[in-house]
């Protein structure tokens, strides 16, 4: 039995549109605020994984498969995609 299919993410522009049409004091705004907070956590996690990957590569001279997989998973998240589109790579 294989893994269950992952639900596709809601595009960032859709989340913004939902925020704009929701009432200022509503469960929708509360949930969207939580999603926004989680997006920040995902972005920070992606940054930390990059630091770990670089250190591993410098120390061992290759890439660690689990770190690579985490990077791939995080890079599929709308928050990480949007951040990567806005910020130039250093």
PDB file of N, CA and C in Angstrom:
ATOM      1  N   UNK A   1       0.849  -1.184   0.000  1.00  0.00           N
ATOM      2  CA  UNK A   1       0.000   0.000   0.000  1.00  0.00           C
ATOM      3  C   UNK A   1       0.888   1.238   0.000  1.00  0.00           C
ATOM      4  N   UNK A   2       0.669   2.125  -0.935  1.00  0.00           N
ATOM      5  CA  UNK A   2       1.489   3.324  -1.082  1.00  0.00           C
ATOM      6  C   UNK A   2       1.070   4.439  -0.141  1.00  0.00           C
ATOM      7  N   UNK A   3       1.815   5.526  -0.229  1.00  0.00           N
ATOM      8  CA  UNK A   3       1.507   6.691   0.579  1.00  0.00           C
ATOM      9  C   UNK A   3       0.243   7.362   0.047  1.00  0.00           C
ATOM     10  N   UNK A   4      -0.562   7.942   0.948  1.00  0.00           N
ATOM     11  CA  UNK A   4      -1.745   8.672   0.467  1.00  0.00           C
ATOM     12  C   UNK A   4      -1.311   9.916  -0.307  1.00  0.00           C
ATOM     13  N   UNK A   5      -2.126  10.281  -1.272  1.00  0.00           N
ATOM     14  CA  UNK A   5      -1.819  11.461  -2.087  1.00  0.00           C
ATOM     15  C   UNK A   5      -1.848  12.706  -1.208  1.00  0.00           C
ATOM     16  N   UNK A   6      -0.893  13.605  -1.450  1.00  0.00           N
ATOM     17  CA  UNK A   6      -0.854  14.860  -0.700  1.00  0.00           C
ATOM     18  C   UNK A   6      -1.837  15.848  -1.303  1.00  0.00           C
ATOM     19  N   UNK A   7      -2.502  16.588  -0.441  1.00  0.00           N
ATOM     20  CA  UNK A   7      -3.398  17.639  -0.893  1.00  0.00           C
ATOM     21  C   UNK A   7      -2.559  18.773  -1.464  1.00  0.00           C
ATOM     22  N   UNK A   8      -2.879  19.257  -2.655  1.00  0.00           N
ATOM     23  CA  UNK A   8      -2.079  20.354  -3.210  1.00  0.00           C
ATOM     24  C   UNK A   8      -2.236  21.617  -2.360  1.00  0.00           C
ATOM     25  N   UNK A   9      -1.185  22.425  -2.278  1.00  0.00           N
ATOM     26  CA  UNK A   9      -1.265  23.648  -1.480  1.00  0.00           C
ATOM     27  C   UNK A   9      -2.178  24.687  -2.125  1.00  0.00           C
ATOM     28  N   UNK A  10      -2.733  25.524  -1.266  1.00  0.00           N
ATOM     29  CA  UNK A  10      -3.527  26.654  -1.756  1.00  0.00           C
ATOM     30  C   UNK A  10      -2.539  27.730  -2.203  1.00  0.00           C
ATOM     31  N   UNK A  11      -2.667  28.224  -3.433  1.00  0.00           N
ATOM     32  CA  UNK A  11      -1.735  29.260  -3.906  1.00  0.00           C
ATOM     33  C   UNK A  11      -1.766  30.501  -3.016  1.00  0.00           C
ATOM     34  N   UNK A  12      -0.618  31.133  -2.895  1.00  0.00           N
ATOM     35  CA  UNK A  12      -0.493  32.302  -2.031  1.00  0.00           C
ATOM     36  C   UNK A  12      -1.455  33.421  -2.424  1.00  0.00           C
ATOM     37  N   UNK A  13      -1.652  33.636  -3.721  1.00  0.00           N
ATOM     38  CA  UNK A  13      -2.575  34.697  -4.143  1.00  0.00           C
ATOM     39  C   UNK A  13      -4.008  34.397  -3.703  1.00  0.00           C
ATOM     40  N   UNK A  14      -4.359  33.119  -3.626  1.00  0.00           N
ATOM     41  CA  UNK A  14      -5.701  32.729  -3.142  1.00  0.00           C
ATOM     42  C   UNK A  14      -5.826  33.023  -1.651  1.00  0.00           C
ATOM     43  N   UNK A  15      -4.772  32.739  -0.876  1.00  0.00           N
ATOM     44  CA  UNK A  15      -4.799  33.038   0.550  1.00  0.00           C
ATOM     45  C   UNK A  15      -4.942  34.539   0.789  1.00  0.00           C
ATOM     46  N   UNK A  16      -4.255  35.327  -0.010  1.00  0.00           N
ATOM     47  CA  UNK A  16      -4.352  36.790   0.106  1.00  0.00           C
ATOM     48  C   UNK A  16      -5.773  37.246  -0.229  1.00  0.00           C
ATOM     49  N   UNK A  17      -6.343  36.671  -1.273  1.00  0.00           N
ATOM     50  CA  UNK A  17      -7.723  37.031  -1.654  1.00  0.00           C
ATOM     51  C   UNK A  17      -8.696  36.670  -0.535  1.00  0.00           C
ATOM     52  N   UNK A  18      -8.515  35.517   0.089  1.00  0.00           N
ATOM     53  CA  UNK A  18      -9.381  35.114   1.200  1.00  0.00           C
ATOM     54  C   UNK A  18      -9.254  36.086   2.368  1.00  0.00           C
ATOM     55  N   UNK A  19      -8.023  36.539   2.635  1.00  0.00           N
ATOM     56  CA  UNK A  19      -7.800  37.514   3.708  1.00  0.00           C
ATOM     57  C   UNK A  19      -8.569  38.802   3.422  1.00  0.00           C
ATOM     58  N   UNK A  20      -8.512  39.259   2.183  1.00  0.00           N
ATOM     59  CA  UNK A  20      -9.138  40.532   1.819  1.00  0.00           C
ATOM     60  C   UNK A  20     -10.659  40.496   1.940  1.00  0.00           C
ATOM     61  N   UNK A  21     -11.273  39.334   1.696  1.00  0.00           N
ATOM     62  CA  UNK A  21     -12.735  39.263   1.757  1.00  0.00           C
ATOM     63  C   UNK A  21     -13.261  38.810   3.117  1.00  0.00           C
ATOM     64  N   UNK A  22     -12.369  38.405   4.016  1.00  0.00           N
ATOM     65  CA  UNK A  22     -12.820  37.953   5.333  1.00  0.00           C
ATOM     66  C   UNK A  22     -13.042  39.143   6.265  1.00  0.00           C
ATOM     67  N   UNK A  23     -13.905  38.955   7.236  1.00  0.00           N
ATOM     68  CA  UNK A  23     -14.173  39.995   8.222  1.00  0.00           C
ATOM     69  C   UNK A  23     -12.964  40.151   9.142  1.00  0.00           C
ATOM     70  N   UNK A  24     -12.694  41.383   9.604  1.00  0.00           N
ATOM     71  CA  UNK A  24     -11.526  41.614  10.457  1.00  0.00           C
ATOM     72  C   UNK A  24     -11.490  40.721  11.707  1.00  0.00           C
ATOM     73  N   UNK A  25     -12.624  40.494  12.331  1.00  0.00           N
ATOM     74  CA  UNK A  25     -12.687  39.611  13.498  1.00  0.00           C
ATOM     75  C   UNK A  25     -13.512  38.393  13.097  1.00  0.00           C
ATOM     76  N   UNK A  26     -12.792  37.355  12.660  1.00  0.00           N
ATOM     77  CA  UNK A  26     -13.490  36.146  12.210  1.00  0.00           C
ATOM     78  C   UNK A  26     -12.559  34.952  12.349  1.00  0.00           C
ATOM     79  N   UNK A  27     -13.162  33.795  12.336  1.00  0.00           N
ATOM     80  CA  UNK A  27     -12.366  32.561  12.401  1.00  0.00           C
ATOM     81  C   UNK A  27     -11.492  32.435  11.149  1.00  0.00           C
ATOM     82  N   UNK A  28     -11.986  32.956  10.021  1.00  0.00           N
ATOM     83  CA  UNK A  28     -11.203  32.909   8.794  1.00  0.00           C
ATOM     84  C   UNK A  28      -9.892  33.680   8.955  1.00  0.00           C
ATOM     85  N   UNK A  29      -9.976  34.885   9.519  1.00  0.00           N
ATOM     86  CA  UNK A  29      -8.764  35.686   9.731  1.00  0.00           C
ATOM     87  C   UNK A  29      -7.830  34.988  10.719  1.00  0.00           C
ATOM     88  N   UNK A  30      -8.403  34.392  11.739  1.00  0.00           N
ATOM     89  CA  UNK A  30      -7.581  33.690  12.724  1.00  0.00           C
ATOM     90  C   UNK A  30      -6.832  32.527  12.072  1.00  0.00           C
ATOM     91  N   UNK A  31      -7.529  31.764  11.260  1.00  0.00           N
ATOM     92  CA  UNK A  31      -6.894  30.639  10.564  1.00  0.00           C
ATOM     93  C   UNK A  31      -5.865  31.112   9.541  1.00  0.00           C
ATOM     94  N   UNK A  32      -6.187  32.180   8.818  1.00  0.00           N
ATOM     95  CA  UNK A  32      -5.238  32.728   7.848  1.00  0.00           C
ATOM     96  C   UNK A  32      -4.000  33.299   8.543  1.00  0.00           C
ATOM     97  N   UNK A  33      -4.191  33.870   9.734  1.00  0.00           N
ATOM     98  CA  UNK A  33      -3.045  34.352  10.507  1.00  0.00           C
ATOM     99  C   UNK A  33      -2.151  33.186  10.911  1.00  0.00           C
ATOM    100  N   UNK A  34      -2.760  32.078  11.289  1.00  0.00           N
ATOM    101  CA  UNK A  34      -1.989  30.884  11.651  1.00  0.00           C
ATOM    102  C   UNK A  34      -1.245  30.334  10.438  1.00  0.00           C
ATOM    103  N   UNK A  35      -1.888  30.326   9.285  1.00  0.00           N
ATOM    104  CA  UNK A  35      -1.222  29.881   8.059  1.00  0.00           C
ATOM    105  C   UNK A  35      -0.033  30.785   7.758  1.00  0.00           C
ATOM    106  N   UNK A  36      -0.217  32.074   7.935  1.00  0.00           N
ATOM    107  CA  UNK A  36       0.876  33.022   7.698  1.00  0.00           C
ATOM    108  C   UNK A  36       2.039  32.756   8.645  1.00  0.00           C
ATOM    109  N   UNK A  37       1.732  32.494   9.908  1.00  0.00           N
ATOM    110  CA  UNK A  37       2.773  32.184  10.883  1.00  0.00           C
ATOM    111  C   UNK A  37       3.510  30.912  10.479  1.00  0.00           C
ATOM    112  N   UNK A  38       2.762  29.902  10.077  1.00  0.00           N
ATOM    113  CA  UNK A  38       3.365  28.639   9.639  1.00  0.00           C
ATOM    114  C   UNK A  38       4.235  28.843   8.396  1.00  0.00           C
ATOM    115  N   UNK A  39       3.832  29.739   7.518  1.00  0.00           N
ATOM    116  CA  UNK A  39       4.661  30.055   6.348  1.00  0.00           C
ATOM    117  C   UNK A  39       6.016  30.592   6.791  1.00  0.00           C
ATOM    118  N   UNK A  40       6.020  31.440   7.806  1.00  0.00           N
ATOM    119  CA  UNK A  40       7.276  31.954   8.335  1.00  0.00           C
ATOM    120  C   UNK A  40       8.149  30.842   8.903  1.00  0.00           C
ATOM    121  N   UNK A  41       7.510  29.897   9.587  1.00  0.00           N
ATOM    122  CA  UNK A  41       8.242  28.755  10.140  1.00  0.00           C
ATOM    123  C   UNK A  41       8.847  27.924   9.009  1.00  0.00           C
ATOM    124  N   UNK A  42       8.085  27.688   7.956  1.00  0.00           N
ATOM    125  CA  UNK A  42       8.588  26.920   6.813  1.00  0.00           C
ATOM    126  C   UNK A  42       9.763  27.623   6.143  1.00  0.00           C
ATOM    127  N   UNK A  43       9.657  28.939   6.010  1.00  0.00           N
ATOM    128  CA  UNK A  43      10.756  29.695   5.398  1.00  0.00           C
ATOM    129  C   UNK A  43      12.013  29.603   6.245  1.00  0.00           C
ATOM    130  N   UNK A  44      11.861  29.723   7.562  1.00  0.00           N
ATOM    131  CA  UNK A  44      13.026  29.611   8.447  1.00  0.00           C
ATOM    132  C   UNK A  44      13.604  28.196   8.414  1.00  0.00           C
ATOM    133  N   UNK A  45      12.727  27.198   8.390  1.00  0.00           N
ATOM    134  CA  UNK A  45      13.195  25.810   8.312  1.00  0.00           C
ATOM    135  C   UNK A  45      13.989  25.585   7.033  1.00  0.00           C
ATOM    136  N   UNK A  46      13.537  26.165   5.936  1.00  0.00           N
ATOM    137  CA  UNK A  46      14.260  26.015   4.669  1.00  0.00           C
ATOM    138  C   UNK A  46      15.644  26.657   4.750  1.00  0.00           C
ATOM    139  N   UNK A  47      15.724  27.815   5.394  1.00  0.00           N
ATOM    140  CA  UNK A  47      17.012  28.473   5.574  1.00  0.00           C
ATOM    141  C   UNK A  47      17.957  27.610   6.412  1.00  0.00           C
ATOM    142  N   UNK A  48      17.441  27.025   7.498  1.00  0.00           N
ATOM    143  CA  UNK A  48      18.259  26.189   8.369  1.00  0.00           C
ATOM    144  C   UNK A  48      18.721  24.917   7.660  1.00  0.00           C
ATOM    145  N   UNK A  49      17.848  24.338   6.849  1.00  0.00           N
ATOM    146  CA  UNK A  49      18.227  23.140   6.092  1.00  0.00           C
ATOM    147  C   UNK A  49      19.358  23.472   5.125  1.00  0.00           C
ATOM    148  N   UNK A  50      19.303  24.656   4.536  1.00  0.00           N
ATOM    149  CA  UNK A  50      20.379  25.072   3.621  1.00  0.00           C
ATOM    150  C   UNK A  50      21.706  25.189   4.363  1.00  0.00           C
ATOM    151  N   UNK A  51      21.680  25.744   5.568  1.00  0.00           N
ATOM    152  CA  UNK A  51      22.899  25.860   6.379  1.00  0.00           C
ATOM    153  C   UNK A  51      23.445  24.471   6.716  1.00  0.00           C
ATOM    154  N   UNK A  52      22.574  23.570   7.119  1.00  0.00           N
ATOM    155  CA  UNK A  52      22.994  22.200   7.446  1.00  0.00           C
ATOM    156  C   UNK A  52      23.570  21.517   6.215  1.00  0.00           C
ATOM    157  N   UNK A  53      22.913  21.690   5.077  1.00  0.00           N
ATOM    158  CA  UNK A  53      23.374  21.059   3.840  1.00  0.00           C
ATOM    159  C   UNK A  53      24.762  21.557   3.450  1.00  0.00           C
ATOM    160  N   UNK A  54      24.978  22.868   3.552  1.00  0.00           N
ATOM    161  CA  UNK A  54      26.298  23.418   3.217  1.00  0.00           C
ATOM    162  C   UNK A  54      27.379  22.882   4.154  1.00  0.00           C
ATOM    163  N   UNK A  55      27.065  22.842   5.461  1.00  0.00           N
ATOM    164  CA  UNK A  55      28.042  22.346   6.432  1.00  0.00           C
ATOM    165  C   UNK A  55      28.355  20.872   6.180  1.00  0.00           C
ATOM    166  N   UNK A  56      27.321  20.078   5.907  1.00  0.00           N
ATOM    167  CA  UNK A  56      27.528  18.659   5.610  1.00  0.00           C
ATOM    168  C   UNK A  56      28.401  18.504   4.370  1.00  0.00           C
ATOM    169  N   UNK A  57      28.104  19.261   3.336  1.00  0.00           N
ATOM    170  CA  UNK A  57      28.851  19.173   2.093  1.00  0.00           C
ATOM    171  C   UNK A  57      30.316  19.560   2.303  1.00  0.00           C
ATOM    172  N   UNK A  58      30.552  20.607   3.092  1.00  0.00           N
ATOM    173  CA  UNK A  58      31.933  21.019   3.367  1.00  0.00           C
ATOM    174  C   UNK A  58      32.677  19.974   4.196  1.00  0.00           C
ATOM    175  N   UNK A  59      31.990  19.373   5.164  1.00  0.00           N
ATOM    176  CA  UNK A  59      32.628  18.411   6.061  1.00  0.00           C
ATOM    177  C   UNK A  59      32.823  17.048   5.403  1.00  0.00           C
ATOM    178  N   UNK A  60      31.790  16.573   4.720  1.00  0.00           N
ATOM    179  CA  UNK A  60      31.804  15.214   4.171  1.00  0.00           C
ATOM    180  C   UNK A  60      32.156  15.204   2.690  1.00  0.00           C
ATOM    181  N   UNK A  61      31.797  16.265   1.994  1.00  0.00           N
ATOM    182  CA  UNK A  61      32.094  16.340   0.570  1.00  0.00           C
ATOM    183  C   UNK A  61      31.007  15.796  -0.330  1.00  0.00           C
ATOM    184  N   UNK A  62      29.835  15.590   0.228  1.00  0.00           N
ATOM    185  CA  UNK A  62      28.703  15.125  -0.578  1.00  0.00           C
ATOM    186  C   UNK A  62      27.415  15.639   0.060  1.00  0.00           C
ATOM    187  N   UNK A  63      26.291  15.316  -0.557  1.00  0.00           N
ATOM    188  CA  UNK A  63      25.001  15.738  -0.017  1.00  0.00           C
ATOM    189  C   UNK A  63      24.356  14.580   0.720  1.00  0.00           C
ATOM    190  N   UNK A  64      23.692  14.897   1.823  1.00  0.00           N
ATOM    191  CA  UNK A  64      22.988  13.912   2.636  1.00  0.00           C
ATOM    192  C   UNK A  64      21.577  13.767   2.059  1.00  0.00           C
ATOM    193  N   UNK A  65      21.177  12.551   1.741  1.00  0.00           N
ATOM    194  CA  UNK A  65      19.911  12.320   1.035  1.00  0.00           C
ATOM    195  C   UNK A  65      18.703  12.857   1.797  1.00  0.00           C
ATOM    196  N   UNK A  66      18.661  12.686   3.114  1.00  0.00           N
ATOM    197  CA  UNK A  66      17.506  13.154   3.890  1.00  0.00           C
ATOM    198  C   UNK A  66      17.401  14.676   3.844  1.00  0.00           C
ATOM    199  N   UNK A  67      18.535  15.352   3.903  1.00  0.00           N
ATOM    200  CA  UNK A  67      18.523  16.809   3.818  1.00  0.00           C
ATOM    201  C   UNK A  67      18.020  17.235   2.444  1.00  0.00           C
ATOM    202  N   UNK A  68      18.469  16.547   1.418  1.00  0.00           N
ATOM    203  CA  UNK A  68      18.014  16.858   0.055  1.00  0.00           C
ATOM    204  C   UNK A  68      16.500  16.681  -0.050  1.00  0.00           C
ATOM    205  N   UNK A  69      15.967  15.607   0.542  1.00  0.00           N
ATOM    206  CA  UNK A  69      14.527  15.353   0.500  1.00  0.00           C
ATOM    207  C   UNK A  69      13.749  16.445   1.241  1.00  0.00           C
ATOM    208  N   UNK A  70      14.274  16.871   2.397  1.00  0.00           N
ATOM    209  CA  UNK A  70      13.617  17.949   3.139  1.00  0.00           C
ATOM    210  C   UNK A  70      13.587  19.222   2.300  1.00  0.00           C
ATOM    211  N   UNK A  71      14.703  19.522   1.629  1.00  0.00           N
ATOM    212  CA  UNK A  71      14.750  20.706   0.776  1.00  0.00           C
ATOM    213  C   UNK A  71      13.694  20.616  -0.327  1.00  0.00           C
ATOM    214  N   UNK A  72      13.570  19.447  -0.941  1.00  0.00           N
ATOM    215  CA  UNK A  72      12.573  19.276  -1.995  1.00  0.00           C
ATOM    216  C   UNK A  72      11.158  19.483  -1.460  1.00  0.00           C
ATOM    217  N   UNK A  73      10.857  18.924  -0.282  1.00  0.00           N
ATOM    218  CA  UNK A  73       9.529  19.089   0.309  1.00  0.00           C
ATOM    219  C   UNK A  73       9.241  20.551   0.621  1.00  0.00           C
ATOM    220  N   UNK A  74      10.199  21.221   1.246  1.00  0.00           N
ATOM    221  CA  UNK A  74       9.995  22.624   1.595  1.00  0.00           C
ATOM    222  C   UNK A  74       9.879  23.502   0.355  1.00  0.00           C
ATOM    223  N   UNK A  75      10.629  23.165  -0.686  1.00  0.00           N
ATOM    224  CA  UNK A  75      10.593  23.963  -1.910  1.00  0.00           C
ATOM    225  C   UNK A  75       9.267  23.848  -2.660  1.00  0.00           C
ATOM    226  N   UNK A  76       8.418  22.898  -2.278  1.00  0.00           N
ATOM    227  CA  UNK A  76       7.087  22.770  -2.871  1.00  0.00           C
ATOM    228  C   UNK A  76       6.055  23.639  -2.162  1.00  0.00           C
ATOM    229  N   UNK A  77       6.416  24.192  -1.012  1.00  0.00           N
ATOM    230  CA  UNK A  77       5.476  24.976  -0.220  1.00  0.00           C
ATOM    231  C   UNK A  77       5.344  26.399  -0.777  1.00  0.00           C
ATOM    232  N   UNK A  78       4.108  26.900  -0.883  1.00  0.00           N
ATOM    233  CA  UNK A  78       3.887  28.225  -1.447  1.00  0.00           C
ATOM    234  C   UNK A  78       4.695  29.327  -0.764  1.00  0.00           C
ATOM    235  N   UNK A  79       4.840  29.257   0.546  1.00  0.00           N
ATOM    236  CA  UNK A  79       5.588  30.297   1.266  1.00  0.00           C
ATOM    237  C   UNK A  79       7.044  30.323   0.843  1.00  0.00           C
ATOM    238  N   UNK A  80       7.626  29.156   0.663  1.00  0.00           N
ATOM    239  CA  UNK A  80       9.034  29.072   0.270  1.00  0.00           C
ATOM    240  C   UNK A  80       9.185  29.493  -1.193  1.00  0.00           C
ATOM    241  N   UNK A  81       8.255  29.060  -2.027  1.00  0.00           N
ATOM    242  CA  UNK A  81       8.291  29.437  -3.443  1.00  0.00           C
ATOM    243  C   UNK A  81       8.201  30.958  -3.572  1.00  0.00           C
ATOM    244  N   UNK A  82       7.251  31.571  -2.876  1.00  0.00           N
ATOM    245  CA  UNK A  82       7.060  33.021  -2.963  1.00  0.00           C
ATOM    246  C   UNK A  82       8.291  33.755  -2.444  1.00  0.00           C
ATOM    247  N   UNK A  83       8.870  33.281  -1.362  1.00  0.00           N
ATOM    248  CA  UNK A  83      10.060  33.923  -0.811  1.00  0.00           C
ATOM    249  C   UNK A  83      11.210  33.827  -1.794  1.00  0.00           C
ATOM    250  N   UNK A  84      11.352  32.670  -2.442  1.00  0.00           N
ATOM    251  CA  UNK A  84      12.429  32.485  -3.415  1.00  0.00           C
ATOM    252  C   UNK A  84      12.241  33.369  -4.645  1.00  0.00           C
ATOM    253  N   UNK A  85      10.999  33.663  -4.995  1.00  0.00           N
ATOM    254  CA  UNK A  85      10.745  34.538  -6.135  1.00  0.00           C
ATOM    255  C   UNK A  85      11.055  35.985  -5.806  1.00  0.00           C
ATOM    256  N   UNK A  86      10.870  36.374  -4.533  1.00  0.00           N
ATOM    257  CA  UNK A  86      11.089  37.759  -4.113  1.00  0.00           C
ATOM    258  C   UNK A  86      12.548  38.054  -3.814  1.00  0.00           C
ATOM    259  N   UNK A  87      13.232  37.111  -3.182  1.00  0.00           N
ATOM    260  CA  UNK A  87      14.592  37.369  -2.710  1.00  0.00           C
ATOM    261  C   UNK A  87      15.632  36.764  -3.648  1.00  0.00           C
ATOM    262  N   UNK A  88      16.602  37.560  -4.082  1.00  0.00           N
ATOM    263  CA  UNK A  88      17.659  37.000  -4.929  1.00  0.00           C
ATOM    264  C   UNK A  88      18.536  36.067  -4.107  1.00  0.00           C
ATOM    265  N   UNK A  89      19.021  35.010  -4.745  1.00  0.00           N
ATOM    266  CA  UNK A  89      19.926  34.063  -4.082  1.00  0.00           C
ATOM    267  C   UNK A  89      21.280  34.701  -3.865  1.00  0.00           C
ATOM    268  N   UNK A  90      21.863  34.429  -2.701  1.00  0.00           N
ATOM    269  CA  UNK A  90      23.171  34.980  -2.357  1.00  0.00           C
ATOM    270  C   UNK A  90      24.250  33.948  -2.627  1.00  0.00           C
TER     271      UNK A  90
END
